[in-house]
Amino acid sequence: MRNPARPFGDASCDSVANSIDAALVLQYDAGLIDSLECQPSADVNGDGRVNSIDSALILQYSAGLLHALPA
């Protein structure tokens, strides 16, 4: 279950959603790492999976193309 104190997209538990979180999500999706510190917060589209779609949304948010997560 997601911690409401954590922003959506914050996979690293540092209280911000940025490109580092997107990279961690991609590594998790590719099987390069086994887990994420704040895995529930990484599921930004709410489909119950943490994957490259979530990473793309986090990157778009980080770049200012999205004004909020979840998109």
N, C-alpha and C. Protein backbone atom coordinates (compact mmCIF):
# COMPACT_ATOMS: atom_id res chain seq x y z
N MET A 1 0.83 -1.17 0.00
CA MET A 1 0.00 0.00 0.00
C MET A 1 0.88 1.25 0.00
N ARG A 2 0.49 2.24 -0.78
CA ARG A 2 1.27 3.47 -0.92
C ARG A 2 1.15 4.33 0.33
N ASN A 3 2.27 4.90 0.74
CA ASN A 3 2.30 5.84 1.86
C ASN A 3 1.89 7.20 1.34
N PRO A 4 0.77 7.77 1.82
CA PRO A 4 0.31 9.05 1.30
C PRO A 4 1.27 10.21 1.56
N ALA A 5 2.21 10.04 2.50
CA ALA A 5 3.20 11.07 2.76
C ALA A 5 4.26 11.12 1.67
N ARG A 6 4.39 10.06 0.90
CA ARG A 6 5.36 10.00 -0.20
C ARG A 6 4.70 10.50 -1.48
N PRO A 7 5.38 11.33 -2.24
CA PRO A 7 4.81 11.75 -3.51
C PRO A 7 4.79 10.60 -4.52
N PHE A 8 3.80 10.61 -5.39
CA PHE A 8 3.78 9.63 -6.47
C PHE A 8 5.08 9.75 -7.25
N GLY A 9 5.64 8.62 -7.64
CA GLY A 9 6.86 8.60 -8.43
C GLY A 9 8.13 8.53 -7.62
N ASP A 10 8.03 8.65 -6.30
CA ASP A 10 9.21 8.64 -5.44
C ASP A 10 9.61 7.20 -5.13
N ALA A 11 10.33 6.58 -6.03
CA ALA A 11 10.75 5.18 -5.86
C ALA A 11 11.92 5.04 -4.90
N SER A 12 12.67 6.13 -4.70
CA SER A 12 13.88 6.07 -3.88
C SER A 12 13.68 6.56 -2.44
N CYS A 13 12.49 6.98 -2.10
CA CYS A 13 12.17 7.47 -0.74
C CYS A 13 12.94 8.72 -0.34
N ASP A 14 13.26 9.59 -1.30
CA ASP A 14 13.94 10.84 -0.96
C ASP A 14 12.99 12.04 -0.99
N SER A 15 11.70 11.77 -1.08
CA SER A 15 10.63 12.77 -1.04
C SER A 15 10.48 13.63 -2.28
N VAL A 16 11.13 13.24 -3.38
CA VAL A 16 10.93 13.91 -4.66
C VAL A 16 10.82 12.85 -5.76
N ALA A 17 10.10 13.19 -6.80
CA ALA A 17 10.02 12.32 -7.98
C ALA A 17 10.84 12.96 -9.08
N ASN A 18 11.89 12.28 -9.51
CA ASN A 18 12.78 12.85 -10.52
C ASN A 18 13.35 11.75 -11.41
N SER A 19 14.31 12.12 -12.24
CA SER A 19 14.86 11.17 -13.21
C SER A 19 15.57 10.00 -12.54
N ILE A 20 16.06 10.18 -11.33
CA ILE A 20 16.68 9.07 -10.61
C ILE A 20 15.64 8.00 -10.32
N ASP A 21 14.45 8.42 -9.93
CA ASP A 21 13.37 7.47 -9.68
C ASP A 21 12.98 6.74 -10.96
N ALA A 22 12.93 7.47 -12.07
CA ALA A 22 12.60 6.85 -13.36
C ALA A 22 13.64 5.79 -13.72
N ALA A 23 14.92 6.10 -13.49
CA ALA A 23 15.97 5.13 -13.79
C ALA A 23 15.86 3.90 -12.90
N LEU A 24 15.54 4.10 -11.62
CA LEU A 24 15.36 2.97 -10.72
C LEU A 24 14.19 2.09 -11.15
N VAL A 25 13.11 2.71 -11.59
CA VAL A 25 11.95 1.95 -12.06
C VAL A 25 12.33 1.11 -13.28
N LEU A 26 13.09 1.69 -14.20
CA LEU A 26 13.53 0.93 -15.37
C LEU A 26 14.43 -0.24 -14.98
N GLN A 27 15.32 -0.02 -14.04
CA GLN A 27 16.19 -1.10 -13.57
C GLN A 27 15.38 -2.21 -12.92
N TYR A 28 14.38 -1.83 -12.15
CA TYR A 28 13.49 -2.81 -11.51
C TYR A 28 12.72 -3.60 -12.57
N ASP A 29 12.17 -2.89 -13.54
CA ASP A 29 11.40 -3.53 -14.61
C ASP A 29 12.26 -4.49 -15.43
N ALA A 30 13.52 -4.16 -15.61
CA ALA A 30 14.43 -5.01 -16.38
C ALA A 30 15.01 -6.16 -15.55
N GLY A 31 14.71 -6.18 -14.25
CA GLY A 31 15.21 -7.25 -13.39
C GLY A 31 16.63 -7.04 -12.90
N LEU A 32 17.15 -5.82 -13.05
CA LEU A 32 18.51 -5.53 -12.61
C LEU A 32 18.59 -5.30 -11.11
N ILE A 33 17.49 -4.87 -10.51
CA ILE A 33 17.39 -4.76 -9.06
C ILE A 33 16.12 -5.49 -8.62
N ASP A 34 16.14 -6.02 -7.40
CA ASP A 34 15.04 -6.86 -6.92
C ASP A 34 13.86 -6.10 -6.34
N SER A 35 14.11 -4.92 -5.82
CA SER A 35 13.03 -4.16 -5.19
C SER A 35 13.36 -2.68 -5.20
N LEU A 36 12.34 -1.89 -4.87
CA LEU A 36 12.49 -0.45 -4.74
C LEU A 36 12.16 -0.07 -3.31
N GLU A 37 12.87 0.91 -2.77
CA GLU A 37 12.62 1.32 -1.39
C GLU A 37 11.17 1.73 -1.18
N CYS A 38 10.62 2.49 -2.09
CA CYS A 38 9.24 2.96 -2.00
C CYS A 38 8.44 2.46 -3.21
N GLN A 39 8.43 1.17 -3.37
CA GLN A 39 7.80 0.57 -4.54
C GLN A 39 6.34 0.99 -4.75
N PRO A 40 5.50 1.04 -3.72
CA PRO A 40 4.11 1.45 -3.97
C PRO A 40 3.99 2.85 -4.58
N SER A 41 4.89 3.76 -4.22
CA SER A 41 4.84 5.11 -4.77
C SER A 41 5.28 5.15 -6.24
N ALA A 42 5.98 4.12 -6.67
CA ALA A 42 6.49 4.08 -8.05
C ALA A 42 5.40 3.72 -9.06
N ASP A 43 4.31 3.15 -8.61
CA ASP A 43 3.20 2.78 -9.51
C ASP A 43 2.32 4.00 -9.76
N VAL A 44 2.80 4.91 -10.60
CA VAL A 44 2.11 6.19 -10.76
C VAL A 44 0.83 6.11 -11.59
N ASN A 45 0.70 5.12 -12.45
CA ASN A 45 -0.55 5.02 -13.23
C ASN A 45 -1.58 4.12 -12.56
N GLY A 46 -1.23 3.54 -11.41
CA GLY A 46 -2.19 2.80 -10.61
C GLY A 46 -2.67 1.50 -11.18
N ASP A 47 -1.88 0.86 -12.04
CA ASP A 47 -2.32 -0.41 -12.63
C ASP A 47 -1.84 -1.63 -11.85
N GLY A 48 -1.20 -1.39 -10.69
CA GLY A 48 -0.73 -2.50 -9.87
C GLY A 48 0.62 -3.06 -10.28
N ARG A 49 1.25 -2.46 -11.28
CA ARG A 49 2.57 -2.90 -11.73
C ARG A 49 3.51 -1.70 -11.75
N VAL A 50 4.78 -1.97 -11.56
CA VAL A 50 5.80 -0.92 -11.68
C VAL A 50 6.63 -1.28 -12.89
N ASN A 51 6.52 -0.45 -13.95
CA ASN A 51 7.18 -0.78 -15.20
C ASN A 51 7.59 0.48 -15.97
N SER A 52 7.97 0.29 -17.21
CA SER A 52 8.49 1.39 -18.03
C SER A 52 7.45 2.48 -18.27
N ILE A 53 6.19 2.17 -18.20
CA ILE A 53 5.15 3.19 -18.35
C ILE A 53 5.24 4.17 -17.18
N ASP A 54 5.40 3.62 -15.98
CA ASP A 54 5.56 4.48 -14.81
C ASP A 54 6.82 5.32 -14.94
N SER A 55 7.90 4.73 -15.42
CA SER A 55 9.14 5.46 -15.62
C SER A 55 8.95 6.62 -16.59
N ALA A 56 8.27 6.38 -17.68
CA ALA A 56 8.02 7.43 -18.67
C ALA A 56 7.20 8.57 -18.06
N LEU A 57 6.21 8.23 -17.26
CA LEU A 57 5.40 9.26 -16.61
C LEU A 57 6.23 10.08 -15.61
N ILE A 58 7.09 9.40 -14.87
CA ILE A 58 7.95 10.10 -13.92
C ILE A 58 8.90 11.05 -14.66
N LEU A 59 9.46 10.60 -15.78
CA LEU A 59 10.34 11.46 -16.57
C LEU A 59 9.60 12.67 -17.13
N GLN A 60 8.39 12.45 -17.62
CA GLN A 60 7.60 13.57 -18.14
C GLN A 60 7.30 14.58 -17.04
N TYR A 61 6.99 14.08 -15.86
CA TYR A 61 6.76 14.97 -14.71
C TYR A 61 8.03 15.73 -14.35
N SER A 62 9.14 15.03 -14.31
CA SER A 62 10.42 15.63 -13.97
C SER A 62 10.81 16.72 -14.97
N ALA A 63 10.46 16.53 -16.23
CA ALA A 63 10.77 17.50 -17.28
C ALA A 63 9.77 18.65 -17.35
N GLY A 64 8.73 18.59 -16.55
CA GLY A 64 7.73 19.64 -16.56
C GLY A 64 6.64 19.47 -17.60
N LEU A 65 6.61 18.33 -18.26
CA LEU A 65 5.58 18.08 -19.27
C LEU A 65 4.25 17.67 -18.65
N LEU A 66 4.30 17.11 -17.45
CA LEU A 66 3.11 16.81 -16.67
C LEU A 66 3.16 17.67 -15.42
N HIS A 67 2.03 18.18 -15.01
CA HIS A 67 2.00 19.06 -13.84
C HIS A 67 1.77 18.32 -12.54
N ALA A 68 1.34 17.06 -12.63
CA ALA A 68 1.09 16.26 -11.42
C ALA A 68 1.13 14.79 -11.75
N LEU A 69 1.41 14.00 -10.73
CA LEU A 69 1.30 12.55 -10.81
C LEU A 69 0.28 12.11 -9.77
N PRO A 70 -0.58 11.18 -10.01
CA PRO A 70 -0.69 10.43 -11.26
C PRO A 70 -1.24 11.30 -12.38
N ALA A 71 -0.82 10.93 -13.56
CA ALA A 71 -1.21 11.71 -14.76
C ALA A 71 -2.62 11.36 -15.17
